[in-house]
Protein backbone atom coordinates (compact mmCIF):
# COMPACT_ATOMS: atom_id res chain seq x y z
CA MET A 1 -0.23 0.08 0.09
CA PHE A 2 1.13 3.60 -0.96
CA LYS A 3 2.46 5.49 2.21
CA LEU A 4 3.86 9.23 1.47
CA SER A 5 5.30 8.94 4.43
CA ASN A 6 7.65 6.39 3.80
CA TYR A 7 8.68 8.30 0.31
CA LEU A 8 9.06 11.56 2.27
CA SER A 9 11.14 10.40 5.15
CA LYS A 10 13.77 8.71 2.25
CA PHE A 11 13.71 12.49 0.45
CA ILE A 12 14.38 13.94 3.56
CA ALA A 13 17.18 11.69 4.48
CA GLU A 14 19.03 12.84 1.07
CA TYR A 15 17.63 16.53 1.60
CA SER A 16 18.45 17.36 5.11
CA ASP A 17 18.36 20.88 4.49
CA LEU A 18 14.27 20.84 3.58
CA LYS A 19 13.10 18.81 6.28
CA ASP A 20 11.33 21.72 7.58
CA LEU A 21 9.10 21.89 4.63
CA GLN A 22 7.82 18.64 5.08
CA GLU A 23 4.34 19.53 6.00
CA ASP A 24 4.06 21.98 2.96
CA ILE A 25 5.41 19.23 0.68
CA THR A 26 2.74 16.33 2.01
CA ASP A 27 0.22 19.50 1.94
CA SER A 28 0.95 20.11 -1.71
CA PHE A 29 1.11 16.44 -2.79
CA LYS A 30 -1.99 16.02 -1.27
CA LEU A 31 -3.54 18.88 -3.21
CA ILE A 32 -2.27 17.37 -6.49
CA GLU A 33 -3.31 14.22 -5.46
CA SER A 34 -7.10 15.15 -5.16
CA SER A 35 -7.21 16.99 -8.23
CA PHE A 36 -6.02 13.69 -10.89
CA GLN A 37 -8.37 11.60 -8.73
CA ASN A 38 -11.02 13.87 -9.96
CA GLU A 39 -9.61 14.00 -13.14
CA GLY A 40 -8.13 17.21 -12.76
CA THR A 41 -5.29 18.77 -14.65
CA LEU A 42 -2.43 20.63 -13.09
CA PHE A 43 -1.37 23.75 -14.68
CA THR A 44 2.43 24.92 -14.00
CA CYS A 45 4.12 28.74 -14.92
CA GLY A 46 6.90 30.43 -13.97
CA ASN A 47 9.71 32.40 -15.93
CA GLY A 48 13.31 32.15 -16.85
CA GLY A 49 14.56 29.03 -15.75
CA SER A 50 11.45 28.51 -13.78
CA ALA A 51 9.81 28.56 -17.23
CA SER A 52 11.76 25.59 -17.93
CA ASP A 53 11.43 23.87 -14.14
CA ALA A 54 6.99 24.07 -15.11
CA GLU A 55 7.85 22.47 -18.50
CA HIS A 56 10.20 19.86 -17.21
CA ILE A 57 6.92 19.05 -14.64
CA VAL A 58 4.70 18.13 -17.30
CA GLY A 59 7.22 16.73 -18.97
CA GLU A 60 7.37 13.77 -15.75
CA LEU A 61 3.52 14.00 -15.69
CA LEU A 62 2.25 13.39 -19.28
CA LYS A 63 4.71 10.04 -19.66
CA SER A 64 6.26 7.70 -17.42
CA PHE A 65 8.99 8.83 -15.03
CA VAL A 66 9.93 5.54 -12.97
CA PHE A 67 6.96 3.74 -13.37
CA ASP A 68 5.20 1.36 -16.19
CA ARG A 69 1.93 3.24 -17.45
CA PRO A 70 -0.04 0.63 -19.11
CA ILE A 71 -3.12 2.60 -20.52
CA ALA A 72 -6.48 1.52 -19.17
CA GLN A 73 -8.27 -1.70 -20.40
CA LYS A 74 -11.44 0.13 -21.59
CA ASP A 75 -8.88 1.71 -23.66
CA GLN A 76 -7.15 -1.44 -25.02
CA LYS A 77 -10.11 -2.92 -25.78
CA ARG A 78 -11.42 0.31 -27.97
CA LEU A 79 -8.29 0.12 -30.18
CA ALA A 80 -8.62 -3.33 -30.65
CA ARG A 81 -11.80 -2.84 -32.04
CA LEU A 82 -11.43 -0.20 -34.14
CA PHE A 83 -7.79 -1.09 -35.25
CA PRO A 84 -7.40 -4.72 -34.88
CA LYS A 85 -4.24 -5.03 -37.16
CA ASP A 86 -2.50 -1.97 -35.57
CA SER A 87 -3.41 -2.39 -31.76
CA LYS A 88 -0.79 -4.19 -30.21
CA LYS A 89 1.86 -1.57 -32.12
CA ILE A 90 -0.35 1.37 -30.70
CA ILE A 91 -1.07 0.08 -27.23
CA ASN A 92 2.65 -0.78 -26.34
CA ASN A 93 3.62 2.50 -27.52
CA LEU A 94 1.48 4.14 -25.22
CA GLU A 95 1.10 5.67 -21.64
CA THR A 96 -1.50 6.74 -19.18
CA PRO A 97 -0.24 10.45 -18.13
CA LEU A 98 -1.15 12.16 -15.07
CA LYS A 99 -2.80 15.29 -17.01
CA ALA A 100 -0.16 18.23 -16.83
CA ILE A 101 -0.03 21.91 -18.95
CA SER A 102 2.61 24.41 -18.67
CA LEU A 103 0.94 28.01 -19.12
CA MET A 104 4.16 29.00 -20.72
CA THR A 105 4.28 27.39 -23.72
CA GLU A 106 1.93 28.08 -27.24
CA THR A 107 4.61 30.06 -28.79
CA SER A 108 1.89 32.01 -30.92
CA PHE A 109 -0.38 32.39 -28.60
CA SER A 110 1.58 34.46 -26.17
CA THR A 111 3.33 36.22 -28.30
CA ALA A 112 0.16 37.65 -30.29
CA PHE A 113 -1.16 38.40 -26.69
CA ALA A 114 2.52 40.21 -25.69
CA ASN A 115 1.84 41.79 -28.40
CA ASP A 116 -1.88 43.01 -28.11
CA LEU A 117 -2.65 43.04 -24.87
CA SER A 118 0.56 42.19 -21.89
CA TYR A 119 2.79 39.72 -21.61
CA GLU A 120 2.03 40.58 -17.91
CA PHE A 121 -1.53 38.89 -18.49
CA ALA A 122 -0.71 35.91 -20.85
CA ALA A 123 -0.78 32.96 -18.70
CA ALA A 124 -3.44 34.79 -16.99
CA GLN A 125 -5.75 34.15 -20.01
CA LYS A 126 -4.45 31.01 -20.60
CA LEU A 127 -5.57 29.75 -17.42
CA TYR A 128 -8.57 31.74 -17.40
CA ALA A 129 -9.27 30.08 -21.10
CA LEU A 130 -8.06 26.57 -19.52
CA GLY A 131 -8.71 25.86 -15.85
CA GLU A 132 -11.38 24.54 -13.87
CA SER A 133 -12.27 24.18 -10.13
CA LYS A 134 -10.73 20.79 -9.86
CA ASP A 135 -7.52 21.59 -11.22
CA ILE A 136 -4.01 23.17 -9.54
CA LEU A 137 -1.51 25.97 -10.39
CA LEU A 138 1.90 24.98 -9.25
CA ALA A 139 3.20 28.60 -9.51
CA ILE A 140 6.80 29.02 -9.46
CA SER A 141 8.84 32.09 -8.72
CA THR A 142 11.83 32.71 -6.74
CA SER A 143 11.14 36.35 -5.64
CA GLY A 144 7.55 35.40 -5.36
CA ASN A 145 6.88 38.65 -6.72
CA SER A 146 6.57 38.02 -10.80
CA GLU A 147 3.99 39.77 -11.84
CA ASN A 148 2.81 37.46 -14.70
CA ILE A 149 2.65 34.59 -11.89
CA ILE A 150 0.65 36.59 -9.90
CA ARG A 151 -1.86 37.81 -12.18
CA ALA A 152 -1.98 33.84 -13.01
CA CYS A 153 -2.92 32.92 -9.16
CA GLN A 154 -5.02 35.55 -9.03
CA ILE A 155 -7.17 34.22 -11.84
CA ALA A 156 -6.71 30.52 -10.19
CA LYS A 157 -8.49 32.59 -7.09
CA MET A 158 -11.04 33.87 -8.67
CA LYS A 159 -11.62 30.62 -10.67
CA ASN A 160 -11.90 28.39 -7.18
CA ILE A 161 -8.61 26.75 -8.50
CA LYS A 162 -5.79 25.92 -5.32
CA VAL A 163 -2.50 27.48 -5.81
CA ILE A 164 0.97 25.80 -4.98
CA GLY A 165 3.60 28.27 -4.62
CA LEU A 166 7.42 27.19 -4.97
CA THR A 167 8.99 30.35 -3.75
CA GLY A 168 12.57 31.13 -2.03
CA SER A 169 12.81 32.30 1.78
CA ARG A 170 10.62 35.49 1.75
CA GLY A 171 8.02 34.10 -0.46
CA GLY A 172 6.74 37.75 -1.79
CA LYS A 173 3.24 38.07 -3.03
CA LEU A 174 3.20 34.78 -3.91
CA LYS A 175 3.09 33.45 -0.30
CA THR A 176 -0.23 35.49 -0.13
CA LEU A 177 -2.17 33.87 -3.10
CA ALA A 178 -0.82 30.38 -2.29
CA ASP A 179 -2.97 27.60 -0.59
CA VAL A 180 0.55 26.32 0.56
CA CYS A 181 3.53 27.89 -0.39
CA ILE A 182 6.66 25.72 -0.12
CA SER A 183 9.29 28.39 0.25
CA VAL A 184 12.85 26.81 0.18
CA PRO A 185 15.75 28.12 2.41
CA SER A 186 17.92 30.28 0.40
CA ASP A 187 17.12 34.14 -1.16
CA LYS A 188 19.66 33.88 -3.98
CA THR A 189 18.12 32.60 -7.07
CA HIS A 190 20.69 29.99 -8.50
CA LYS A 191 20.35 28.12 -4.72
CA ILE A 192 16.27 28.75 -4.91
CA GLN A 193 16.29 26.85 -8.37
CA GLU A 194 18.64 24.21 -7.20
CA TYR A 195 16.47 23.53 -4.04
CA HIS A 196 13.22 23.62 -6.22
CA LEU A 197 14.58 20.43 -8.33
CA PRO A 198 14.17 17.92 -6.09
CA ILE A 199 11.03 19.32 -4.69
CA TYR A 200 8.71 19.22 -7.39
CA HIS A 201 11.03 15.92 -8.60
CA PHE A 202 9.74 14.00 -5.57
CA LEU A 203 6.57 15.48 -5.84
CA CYS A 204 6.19 13.49 -9.65
CA TYR A 205 7.88 10.49 -8.41
CA SER A 206 5.66 10.04 -5.75
CA LEU A 207 2.73 11.00 -7.51
CA GLU A 208 3.69 8.45 -10.07
CA ALA A 209 4.33 5.87 -6.90
CA ARG A 210 0.58 6.80 -6.09
CA PHE A 211 -1.15 6.45 -9.10
CA PHE A 212 1.23 3.47 -10.98
CA ASP A 213 2.93 1.53 -8.36
CA LYS A 214 3.15 -2.29 -9.30
CA GLU A 215 1.86 -3.98 -6.36
CA LYS A 216 -1.20 -1.25 -6.23
CA GLN A 217 -1.80 -1.96 -9.84
CA LYS A 218 -1.48 -5.70 -8.80
CA GLU A 219 -4.30 -4.96 -5.82
CA LYS A 220 -6.22 -3.24 -8.55
CA ARG A 221 -6.35 -6.03 -10.93
CA GLY A 222 -7.34 -8.24 -8.04
CA ASN A 223 -10.31 -6.06 -6.98
CA ALA A 224 -10.79 -5.78 -10.81
CA LYS A 225 -10.88 -9.06 -10.80
CA ALA A 226 -13.45 -9.66 -8.26
CA ASN A 227 -15.71 -7.06 -9.46
CA LYS A 228 -15.75 -8.92 -13.04
CA LEU A 229 -17.43 -12.28 -11.08
CA PRO A 230 -21.05 -11.58 -13.21
CA LEU A 231 -24.32 -12.74 -11.58
CA HIS A 232 -25.58 -13.72 -15.04
CA ILE A 233 -23.83 -15.15 -17.85
CA PHE A 234 -25.01 -15.72 -21.78
CA PHE A 235 -23.72 -18.26 -23.96
CA ASP A 236 -24.33 -18.18 -27.74
CA PHE A 237 -25.28 -21.12 -29.10
CA ASP A 238 -23.72 -22.09 -32.88
CA GLY A 239 -19.85 -22.37 -32.33
CA VAL A 240 -19.50 -21.59 -28.81
CA LEU A 241 -21.55 -24.94 -27.43
CA THR A 242 -21.89 -26.67 -31.51
CA ASP A 243 -18.62 -26.57 -33.67
CA ASN A 244 -20.52 -24.43 -36.10
CA LYS A 245 -21.72 -26.69 -38.32
CA VAL A 246 -25.14 -28.81 -38.77
CA TYR A 247 -26.06 -32.56 -40.00
CA LEU A 248 -29.19 -32.46 -42.17
CA THR A 249 -30.85 -35.36 -42.69
CA GLN A 250 -32.88 -36.30 -45.45
CA ASP A 251 -36.22 -35.63 -43.92
CA GLY A 252 -35.31 -32.04 -43.19
CA LYS A 253 -34.39 -32.77 -39.43
CA GLU A 254 -31.36 -30.66 -38.26
CA SER A 255 -28.55 -31.91 -35.43
CA VAL A 256 -25.24 -30.70 -33.88
CA MET A 257 -22.38 -31.54 -32.69
CA CYS A 258 -22.04 -31.29 -28.48
CA ASP A 259 -19.46 -31.91 -26.01
CA ARG A 260 -20.41 -33.71 -22.96
CA SER A 261 -18.59 -31.96 -20.95
CA ASP A 262 -20.31 -28.46 -21.17
CA GLY A 263 -22.51 -29.94 -18.47
CA LEU A 264 -19.81 -30.80 -15.62
CA GLY A 265 -18.64 -26.63 -16.87
CA ILE A 266 -22.15 -25.10 -16.35
CA ASN A 267 -22.65 -27.19 -13.19
CA LEU A 268 -19.58 -25.57 -11.87
CA ILE A 269 -20.39 -22.24 -12.87
CA LYS A 270 -23.65 -22.48 -11.26
CA LYS A 271 -22.09 -23.40 -8.31
CA MET A 272 -20.63 -19.91 -8.26
CA GLY A 273 -24.25 -18.50 -7.88
CA ILE A 274 -23.94 -17.28 -11.83
CA GLU A 275 -27.31 -17.86 -13.60
CA VAL A 276 -25.86 -19.61 -16.82
CA HIS A 277 -28.67 -19.04 -20.01
CA ILE A 278 -28.26 -19.64 -23.69
CA LEU A 279 -28.83 -16.24 -26.17
CA SER A 280 -29.58 -17.42 -29.59
CA THR A 281 -29.92 -15.84 -32.69
CA GLU A 282 -32.06 -18.71 -34.57
CA THR A 283 -35.43 -20.28 -33.33
CA ASN A 284 -34.25 -24.47 -33.47
CA LYS A 285 -35.35 -27.04 -31.31
CA VAL A 286 -32.13 -28.57 -31.44
CA VAL A 287 -30.83 -25.40 -29.12
CA SER A 288 -34.33 -25.76 -26.70
CA GLU A 289 -33.35 -29.11 -26.24
CA ARG A 290 -29.89 -28.38 -25.54
CA SER A 291 -30.79 -25.76 -22.78
CA LYS A 292 -33.05 -28.57 -21.40
CA LYS A 293 -30.81 -30.83 -21.00
CA LEU A 294 -28.09 -28.84 -19.46
CA GLY A 295 -30.46 -27.59 -17.03
CA VAL A 296 -30.57 -23.87 -18.61
CA GLU A 297 -32.92 -20.95 -19.30
CA CYS A 298 -32.78 -20.14 -23.39
CA PHE A 299 -34.09 -17.27 -25.14
CA GLN A 300 -33.96 -17.70 -28.80
CA SER A 301 -34.84 -15.78 -32.05
CA CYS A 302 -32.85 -13.20 -30.86
CA ALA A 303 -31.74 -10.87 -33.76
CA ASP A 304 -30.73 -7.91 -31.62
CA LYS A 305 -28.79 -9.48 -28.47
CA LEU A 306 -27.52 -5.88 -27.12
CA LYS A 307 -31.08 -4.70 -27.32
CA PHE A 308 -32.02 -7.51 -25.43
CA LEU A 309 -28.84 -7.72 -22.91
CA LYS A 310 -29.96 -4.01 -22.01
CA GLN A 311 -33.51 -4.89 -21.23
CA PHE A 312 -32.59 -8.25 -19.32
CA CYS A 313 -30.25 -5.80 -17.20
CA LYS A 314 -33.51 -3.60 -16.93
CA GLU A 315 -35.95 -5.90 -15.83
CA LYS A 316 -33.79 -7.46 -12.94
CA LYS A 317 -32.15 -4.10 -11.92
CA ILE A 318 -28.56 -5.11 -12.54
CA SER A 319 -25.89 -3.07 -14.50
CA PRO A 320 -23.81 -4.71 -17.66
CA SER A 321 -21.02 -5.44 -14.73
CA LYS A 322 -22.77 -8.38 -13.88
CA ILE A 323 -22.89 -9.60 -17.25
CA GLY A 324 -20.70 -12.32 -18.93
CA TYR A 325 -20.89 -13.28 -22.28
CA ILE A 326 -19.28 -16.38 -24.60
CA GLY A 327 -19.85 -15.18 -28.34
CA ASN A 328 -17.69 -16.16 -31.63
CA ASP A 329 -18.94 -13.91 -34.60
CA ILE A 330 -19.91 -10.51 -35.88
CA ASN A 331 -23.45 -11.09 -34.15
CA ASP A 332 -21.96 -11.30 -30.75
CA LYS A 333 -19.69 -8.20 -31.22
CA GLU A 334 -22.11 -5.77 -29.69
CA ALA A 335 -23.03 -7.98 -26.69
CA MET A 336 -19.35 -8.64 -25.81
CA VAL A 337 -18.45 -4.55 -25.60
CA PHE A 338 -21.83 -4.83 -23.34
CA SER A 339 -20.91 -7.32 -20.81
CA ASN A 340 -18.13 -6.82 -18.12
CA ILE A 341 -16.22 -9.73 -19.16
CA SER A 342 -16.39 -11.85 -22.61
CA PHE A 343 -14.76 -14.62 -23.17
CA CYS A 344 -14.79 -16.50 -26.78
CA PRO A 345 -13.39 -19.93 -28.58
CA SER A 346 -9.98 -19.63 -30.42
CA ASP A 347 -11.72 -20.49 -33.94
CA SER A 348 -13.48 -17.06 -33.33
CA ASP A 349 -14.19 -14.57 -35.91
CA PRO A 350 -11.05 -12.21 -35.98
CA ALA A 351 -13.02 -9.22 -34.81
CA ILE A 352 -14.21 -11.32 -31.87
CA LEU A 353 -10.75 -12.47 -31.19
CA SER A 354 -9.46 -8.87 -30.61
CA LEU A 355 -11.75 -7.60 -28.64
CA SER A 356 -12.91 -10.42 -26.39
CA ASP A 357 -10.96 -10.13 -22.98
CA HIS A 358 -10.26 -14.13 -22.89
CA VAL A 359 -9.48 -16.09 -25.91
CA LEU A 360 -9.75 -19.62 -24.92
CA GLN A 361 -7.65 -22.62 -26.12
CA SER A 362 -11.02 -24.50 -26.73
CA LYS A 363 -12.49 -24.41 -30.14
CA GLY A 364 -16.47 -23.94 -30.82
CA GLY A 365 -18.09 -26.83 -29.60
CA LYS A 366 -15.07 -28.58 -27.68
CA GLY A 367 -15.24 -28.00 -24.04
CA VAL A 368 -15.95 -24.11 -24.23
CA ALA A 369 -18.36 -23.89 -21.01
CA LYS A 370 -15.53 -26.29 -19.07
CA GLU A 371 -12.44 -23.98 -19.61
CA VAL A 372 -14.62 -20.52 -19.21
CA ALA A 373 -15.94 -22.69 -15.57
CA VAL A 374 -12.12 -22.96 -14.96
CA LEU A 375 -11.23 -19.28 -15.42
CA LEU A 376 -14.12 -18.02 -13.34
CA SER A 377 -13.24 -20.48 -10.82
CA ASP A 378 -9.42 -18.57 -10.52
CA ILE A 379 -11.75 -15.65 -9.88
CA TYR A 380 -13.87 -16.59 -7.50
CA SER A 381 -10.94 -18.27 -5.73
CA HIS A 382 -9.51 -15.18 -5.56
CA ILE A 383 -12.28 -13.34 -4.01
CA LEU A 384 -12.47 -16.06 -1.27
CA LYS A 385 -9.11 -15.45 -0.20
């Protein structure tokens, strides 16, 4: 579990000159953490070397600093649906950001604004345009009196944006405007800037640890697994509980090939407290007979599976997070996306293979239900631990 105090004690041991700033650093961390939790943005600003620092901070937050930052599963699934051939490359070359913007960039805007109005208000204008109450402004000024930085802080206060000041020992006007002010123990510009670097690096590092630490990700994945245990699971019939072939006799009767292990698999699923259903597009007596044999509810003649599942959730008063779906063909696509957890046989349509949460080793009609039961059992076991 992430504990800021563990990181801060190591930091202070290395930078003992900053030991009196522990409370301010902690308060700054908490403000930014809260903003990121609410999908807020950290805005930064400064002049000269501090402008470089403002951009440096943004660079550490928009991409990985120390910890891996895989993109969200929902984004991976959407990319797989939209760009099945390129999705792997795209996913491997993107990282989850912590949202940050420097008010000192956009050369065309800042020079035009400075020429037409006043450079003193350029950063303030940008914050006025983009900032929201859930955001944070990190204002950097070695003197604490830089006019354009003070103007940005004034707009932040007007928009109920919390302000963190990073300055020298005197604090200046910035200290009176900041909700938290980190005033380093020096009044010399170069020394102040030397202190600023480890402080904002610590904030970036600890924030990244807070949101992307491997142990935390492991814990979140475990919780996600637990949340994915459905209350209802739907099996498509053709190509899932059969090998997708139909055998036609000379008198017009149809038959299909099924796997006896499906009965065992479905019974195992039921023992986890999950209700099992068969959802089929066609109307066929063979489907109803197989459903009866397996002891599961059967829904046939379902041309729009997504519409059916939405109505099912409404009637049962449950969310899609409690629905699981096993499909194999393109008419299952929307139902699989709608469901919180999805499976498909290994011989499914390529579009289904790319979006399914779990691609099974089994082919259709070759023990799909039993393999699904084993996978769900792993999740169920995790919950019981």
